[in-house]
Amino acid sequence: MSGFDRERHLKPLIAAGLVLLLIGSVLIYDSYKQTLKRLDRKVTSARNDLSQLEVSLQQYRELDARLRKLKRQSNATAGRNLITTVENAAEKIDARNQLVYVRPQPDKTHEDLTEEGVEIRMVKLQLHQLVELLHQFDQIGQRLKVSQLRIRTRFDDQELLDTSMILSRFRENR
């Protein structure tokens, strides 16, 4: 054995180099495919996130439009006096003459809301009139709340009711 025999050693070295090159190419190609799959998953996830964002944005726009509408309604009715509101509701149920008094109550402040209130006293009401009055207050849409509702039957006619209540309206402090 004298040194390096080209013919004998060169072919296995070339074959081993080609095998190593082929294995390296397969590994690089597999790594490339895995990277593409990972990127595809990220793209799919980003598309899902984007569609969820679009749905959330649509819901936000709808809620914002409702809020603006409610604020416009609130501003339109904010100037109305509660006493006028009570008188109009009593007139609608044909009980204006049964309204004894409407007394303003002192305003109460709760964090970012102010509660304006009036005390209402009505006599000789029929049950359906009282129910209709409460329904009128509910339909006004000024954030009205009836509290301290007291109802008594009249001693002279058991069919009629005397009632007193406190009606409150809430407005935002600015």
C-alpha atoms as a PDB file:
ATOM      1  CA  MET A   1       0.000   0.000   0.000  1.00  0.00           C
ATOM      2  CA  SER A   2       1.652   2.966  -1.169  1.00  0.00           C
ATOM      3  CA  GLY A   3      -0.370   6.122  -0.574  1.00  0.00           C
ATOM      4  CA  PHE A   4      -3.679   7.045  -1.989  1.00  0.00           C
ATOM      5  CA  ASP A   5      -5.139   4.993  -4.747  1.00  0.00           C
ATOM      6  CA  ARG A   6      -7.361   7.317  -6.695  1.00  0.00           C
ATOM      7  CA  GLU A   7      -9.350   4.813  -8.587  1.00  0.00           C
ATOM      8  CA  ARG A   8     -10.130   2.745  -5.614  1.00  0.00           C
ATOM      9  CA  HIS A   9     -10.897   5.413  -3.007  1.00  0.00           C
ATOM     10  CA  LEU A  10     -12.353   8.169  -5.130  1.00  0.00           C
ATOM     11  CA  LYS A  11     -15.571   6.412  -6.110  1.00  0.00           C
ATOM     12  CA  PRO A  12     -16.616   5.548  -2.525  1.00  0.00           C
ATOM     13  CA  LEU A  13     -15.754   9.100  -1.439  1.00  0.00           C
ATOM     14  CA  ILE A  14     -17.850  10.579  -4.236  1.00  0.00           C
ATOM     15  CA  ALA A  15     -20.668   8.141  -3.434  1.00  0.00           C
ATOM     16  CA  ALA A  16     -20.492   9.055   0.285  1.00  0.00           C
ATOM     17  CA  GLY A  17     -20.457  12.776  -0.602  1.00  0.00           C
ATOM     18  CA  LEU A  18     -23.487  12.323  -2.828  1.00  0.00           C
ATOM     19  CA  VAL A  19     -25.303  10.372  -0.096  1.00  0.00           C
ATOM     20  CA  LEU A  20     -24.472  13.109   2.437  1.00  0.00           C
ATOM     21  CA  LEU A  21     -25.616  15.752  -0.035  1.00  0.00           C
ATOM     22  CA  LEU A  22     -28.851  13.854  -0.657  1.00  0.00           C
ATOM     23  CA  ILE A  23     -29.499  13.398   3.099  1.00  0.00           C
ATOM     24  CA  GLY A  24     -28.727  17.102   3.687  1.00  0.00           C
ATOM     25  CA  SER A  25     -31.114  18.079   0.885  1.00  0.00           C
ATOM     26  CA  VAL A  26     -33.871  15.874   2.316  1.00  0.00           C
ATOM     27  CA  LEU A  27     -33.372  17.384   5.792  1.00  0.00           C
ATOM     28  CA  ILE A  28     -33.392  20.943   4.439  1.00  0.00           C
ATOM     29  CA  TYR A  29     -36.504  20.208   2.347  1.00  0.00           C
ATOM     30  CA  ASP A  30     -38.276  18.650   5.375  1.00  0.00           C
ATOM     31  CA  SER A  31     -37.367  21.656   7.517  1.00  0.00           C
ATOM     32  CA  TYR A  32     -38.687  23.937   4.746  1.00  0.00           C
ATOM     33  CA  LYS A  33     -41.987  22.000   4.613  1.00  0.00           C
ATOM     34  CA  GLN A  34     -42.382  22.167   8.419  1.00  0.00           C
ATOM     35  CA  THR A  35     -41.738  25.896   8.349  1.00  0.00           C
ATOM     36  CA  LEU A  36     -44.373  26.308   5.626  1.00  0.00           C
ATOM     37  CA  LYS A  37     -46.883  24.284   7.673  1.00  0.00           C
ATOM     38  CA  ARG A  38     -46.164  26.430  10.735  1.00  0.00           C
ATOM     39  CA  LEU A  39     -46.631  29.585   8.679  1.00  0.00           C
ATOM     40  CA  ASP A  40     -49.884  28.211   7.222  1.00  0.00           C
ATOM     41  CA  ARG A  41     -51.169  27.578  10.760  1.00  0.00           C
ATOM     42  CA  LYS A  42     -50.208  31.131  11.747  1.00  0.00           C
ATOM     43  CA  VAL A  43     -51.979  32.519   8.674  1.00  0.00           C
ATOM     44  CA  THR A  44     -55.101  30.480   9.464  1.00  0.00           C
ATOM     45  CA  SER A  45     -55.009  31.626  13.086  1.00  0.00           C
ATOM     46  CA  ALA A  46     -54.545  35.247  11.994  1.00  0.00           C
ATOM     47  CA  ARG A  47     -57.498  34.942   9.584  1.00  0.00           C
ATOM     48  CA  ASN A  48     -59.669  33.530  12.390  1.00  0.00           C
ATOM     49  CA  ASP A  49     -58.583  36.354  14.687  1.00  0.00           C
ATOM     50  CA  LEU A  50     -59.355  38.857  11.946  1.00  0.00           C
ATOM     51  CA  SER A  51     -62.842  37.442  11.393  1.00  0.00           C
ATOM     52  CA  GLN A  52     -63.487  37.539  15.156  1.00  0.00           C
ATOM     53  CA  LEU A  53     -62.250  41.132  15.195  1.00  0.00           C
ATOM     54  CA  GLU A  54     -64.625  42.023  12.359  1.00  0.00           C
ATOM     55  CA  VAL A  55     -67.547  40.483  14.273  1.00  0.00           C
ATOM     56  CA  SER A  56     -66.525  42.345  17.443  1.00  0.00           C
ATOM     57  CA  LEU A  57     -66.150  45.567  15.475  1.00  0.00           C
ATOM     58  CA  GLN A  58     -69.645  45.128  14.002  1.00  0.00           C
ATOM     59  CA  GLN A  59     -71.075  44.499  17.485  1.00  0.00           C
ATOM     60  CA  TYR A  60     -69.235  47.568  18.770  1.00  0.00           C
ATOM     61  CA  ARG A  61     -70.663  49.711  15.980  1.00  0.00           C
ATOM     62  CA  GLU A  62     -74.196  48.476  16.700  1.00  0.00           C
ATOM     63  CA  LEU A  63     -73.817  49.136  20.429  1.00  0.00           C
ATOM     64  CA  ASP A  64     -72.278  52.535  19.761  1.00  0.00           C
ATOM     65  CA  ALA A  65     -75.190  53.463  17.486  1.00  0.00           C
ATOM     66  CA  ARG A  66     -77.663  52.331  20.167  1.00  0.00           C
ATOM     67  CA  LEU A  67     -75.788  54.342  22.788  1.00  0.00           C
ATOM     68  CA  ARG A  68     -75.829  57.470  20.614  1.00  0.00           C
ATOM     69  CA  LYS A  69     -79.561  56.971  19.996  1.00  0.00           C
ATOM     70  CA  LEU A  70     -80.234  56.576  23.723  1.00  0.00           C
ATOM     71  CA  LYS A  71     -78.161  59.657  24.493  1.00  0.00           C
ATOM     72  CA  ARG A  72     -80.106  61.666  21.922  1.00  0.00           C
ATOM     73  CA  GLN A  73     -83.375  60.446  23.437  1.00  0.00           C
ATOM     74  CA  SER A  74     -82.080  61.204  26.916  1.00  0.00           C
ATOM     75  CA  ASN A  75     -80.993  64.685  25.882  1.00  0.00           C
ATOM     76  CA  ALA A  76     -84.333  65.295  24.185  1.00  0.00           C
ATOM     77  CA  THR A  77     -86.244  64.294  27.303  1.00  0.00           C
ATOM     78  CA  ALA A  78     -83.755  65.698  29.834  1.00  0.00           C
ATOM     79  CA  GLY A  79     -85.321  69.118  29.646  1.00  0.00           C
ATOM     80  CA  ARG A  80     -88.723  67.768  30.518  1.00  0.00           C
ATOM     81  CA  ASN A  81     -89.813  68.432  34.034  1.00  0.00           C
ATOM     82  CA  LEU A  82     -90.810  65.408  36.108  1.00  0.00           C
ATOM     83  CA  ILE A  83     -93.917  67.222  37.303  1.00  0.00           C
ATOM     84  CA  THR A  84     -95.013  67.736  33.708  1.00  0.00           C
ATOM     85  CA  THR A  85     -94.270  64.092  32.973  1.00  0.00           C
ATOM     86  CA  VAL A  86     -96.485  62.998  35.876  1.00  0.00           C
ATOM     87  CA  GLU A  87     -99.293  65.349  34.875  1.00  0.00           C
ATOM     88  CA  ASN A  88     -99.201  64.150  31.266  1.00  0.00           C
ATOM     89  CA  ALA A  89     -99.253  60.499  32.340  1.00  0.00           C
ATOM     90  CA  ALA A  90    -102.200  61.172  34.686  1.00  0.00           C
ATOM     91  CA  GLU A  91    -104.024  62.913  31.858  1.00  0.00           C
ATOM     92  CA  LYS A  92    -103.499  59.932  29.535  1.00  0.00           C
ATOM     93  CA  ILE A  93    -105.239  57.622  32.001  1.00  0.00           C
ATOM     94  CA  ASP A  94    -108.063  60.118  32.703  1.00  0.00           C
ATOM     95  CA  ALA A  95    -106.975  60.612  36.310  1.00  0.00           C
ATOM     96  CA  ARG A  96    -105.771  64.218  36.239  1.00  0.00           C
ATOM     97  CA  ASN A  97    -108.395  65.283  38.785  1.00  0.00           C
ATOM     98  CA  GLN A  98    -107.368  62.444  41.142  1.00  0.00           C
ATOM     99  CA  LEU A  99    -103.817  63.811  41.326  1.00  0.00           C
ATOM    100  CA  VAL A 100    -103.644  65.453  44.755  1.00  0.00           C
ATOM    101  CA  TYR A 101    -100.036  66.678  44.685  1.00  0.00           C
ATOM    102  CA  VAL A 102     -96.654  66.281  43.069  1.00  0.00           C
ATOM    103  CA  ARG A 103     -93.834  67.405  45.368  1.00  0.00           C
ATOM    104  CA  PRO A 104     -90.232  67.704  44.243  1.00  0.00           C
ATOM    105  CA  GLN A 105     -87.718  65.727  46.285  1.00  0.00           C
ATOM    106  CA  PRO A 106     -84.119  66.823  46.925  1.00  0.00           C
ATOM    107  CA  ASP A 107     -81.643  65.560  44.334  1.00  0.00           C
ATOM    108  CA  LYS A 108     -79.397  62.663  45.375  1.00  0.00           C
ATOM    109  CA  THR A 109     -75.961  62.150  43.862  1.00  0.00           C
ATOM    110  CA  HIS A 110     -74.646  58.598  43.352  1.00  0.00           C
ATOM    111  CA  GLU A 111     -71.100  58.432  41.906  1.00  0.00           C
ATOM    112  CA  ASP A 112     -71.683  59.544  38.298  1.00  0.00           C
ATOM    113  CA  LEU A 113     -75.512  59.757  38.418  1.00  0.00           C
ATOM    114  CA  THR A 114     -77.885  62.308  39.887  1.00  0.00           C
ATOM    115  CA  GLU A 115     -81.335  61.162  40.995  1.00  0.00           C
ATOM    116  CA  GLU A 116     -84.133  63.707  40.645  1.00  0.00           C
ATOM    117  CA  GLY A 117     -87.366  62.735  42.325  1.00  0.00           C
ATOM    118  CA  VAL A 118     -90.956  63.750  42.945  1.00  0.00           C
ATOM    119  CA  GLU A 119     -93.480  62.443  45.440  1.00  0.00           C
ATOM    120  CA  ILE A 120     -96.875  61.739  43.912  1.00  0.00           C
ATOM    121  CA  ARG A 121    -100.177  61.331  45.746  1.00  0.00           C
ATOM    122  CA  MET A 122    -103.280  60.144  43.910  1.00  0.00           C
ATOM    123  CA  VAL A 123    -106.681  59.242  45.357  1.00  0.00           C
ATOM    124  CA  LYS A 124    -109.730  57.317  44.201  1.00  0.00           C
ATOM    125  CA  LEU A 125    -107.911  55.377  41.494  1.00  0.00           C
ATOM    126  CA  GLN A 126    -109.205  52.187  40.011  1.00  0.00           C
ATOM    127  CA  LEU A 127    -106.746  49.313  39.776  1.00  0.00           C
ATOM    128  CA  HIS A 128    -106.542  49.433  35.988  1.00  0.00           C
ATOM    129  CA  GLN A 129    -105.757  53.182  36.156  1.00  0.00           C
ATOM    130  CA  LEU A 130    -102.875  52.570  38.539  1.00  0.00           C
ATOM    131  CA  VAL A 131    -101.510  49.796  36.338  1.00  0.00           C
ATOM    132  CA  GLU A 132    -101.817  52.037  33.272  1.00  0.00           C
ATOM    133  CA  LEU A 133    -100.066  54.890  35.102  1.00  0.00           C
ATOM    134  CA  LEU A 134     -97.150  52.644  36.015  1.00  0.00           C
ATOM    135  CA  HIS A 135     -97.074  51.421  32.416  1.00  0.00           C
ATOM    136  CA  GLN A 136     -96.962  55.050  31.221  1.00  0.00           C
ATOM    137  CA  PHE A 137     -93.963  55.706  33.454  1.00  0.00           C
ATOM    138  CA  ASP A 138     -92.268  52.610  32.066  1.00  0.00           C
ATOM    139  CA  GLN A 139     -92.892  53.636  28.448  1.00  0.00           C
ATOM    140  CA  ILE A 140     -91.556  57.190  28.788  1.00  0.00           C
ATOM    141  CA  GLY A 141     -87.945  56.042  28.476  1.00  0.00           C
ATOM    142  CA  GLN A 142     -86.347  58.646  30.730  1.00  0.00           C
ATOM    143  CA  ARG A 143     -84.759  56.090  33.065  1.00  0.00           C
ATOM    144  CA  LEU A 144     -87.647  56.456  35.498  1.00  0.00           C
ATOM    145  CA  LYS A 145     -87.871  54.408  38.666  1.00  0.00           C
ATOM    146  CA  VAL A 146     -90.880  54.095  40.954  1.00  0.00           C
ATOM    147  CA  SER A 147     -89.870  53.611  44.555  1.00  0.00           C
ATOM    148  CA  GLN A 148     -91.717  53.600  47.860  1.00  0.00           C
ATOM    149  CA  LEU A 149     -95.014  52.680  46.284  1.00  0.00           C
ATOM    150  CA  ARG A 150     -97.797  52.619  48.884  1.00  0.00           C
ATOM    151  CA  ILE A 151    -101.292  51.510  47.922  1.00  0.00           C
ATOM    152  CA  ARG A 152    -104.282  51.531  50.261  1.00  0.00           C
ATOM    153  CA  THR A 153    -107.890  50.661  49.621  1.00  0.00           C
ATOM    154  CA  ARG A 154    -110.300  53.422  50.456  1.00  0.00           C
ATOM    155  CA  PHE A 155    -112.452  52.973  53.544  1.00  0.00           C
ATOM    156  CA  ASP A 156    -115.544  54.386  51.793  1.00  0.00           C
ATOM    157  CA  ASP A 157    -115.236  52.297  48.577  1.00  0.00           C
ATOM    158  CA  GLN A 158    -113.195  49.077  48.520  1.00  0.00           C
ATOM    159  CA  GLU A 159    -112.983  49.250  44.678  1.00  0.00           C
ATOM    160  CA  LEU A 160    -110.904  52.459  44.762  1.00  0.00           C
ATOM    161  CA  LEU A 161    -107.281  52.942  45.778  1.00  0.00           C
ATOM    162  CA  ASP A 162    -105.263  55.741  47.326  1.00  0.00           C
ATOM    163  CA  THR A 163    -101.611  55.668  46.378  1.00  0.00           C
ATOM    164  CA  SER A 164     -98.424  57.556  47.021  1.00  0.00           C
ATOM    165  CA  MET A 165     -95.094  56.916  45.373  1.00  0.00           C
ATOM    166  CA  ILE A 166     -91.759  58.462  44.671  1.00  0.00           C
ATOM    167  CA  LEU A 167     -90.849  58.709  41.002  1.00  0.00           C
ATOM    168  CA  SER A 168     -87.156  59.219  40.226  1.00  0.00           C
ATOM    169  CA  ARG A 169     -85.239  60.040  37.081  1.00  0.00           C
ATOM    170  CA  PHE A 170     -81.518  59.479  36.675  1.00  0.00           C
ATOM    171  CA  ARG A 171     -79.148  61.643  34.659  1.00  0.00           C
ATOM    172  CA  GLU A 172     -75.408  61.505  34.161  1.00  0.00           C
ATOM    173  CA  ASN A 173     -73.159  63.986  35.920  1.00  0.00           C
ATOM    174  CA  ARG A 174     -70.937  65.727  33.427  1.00  0.00           C
END
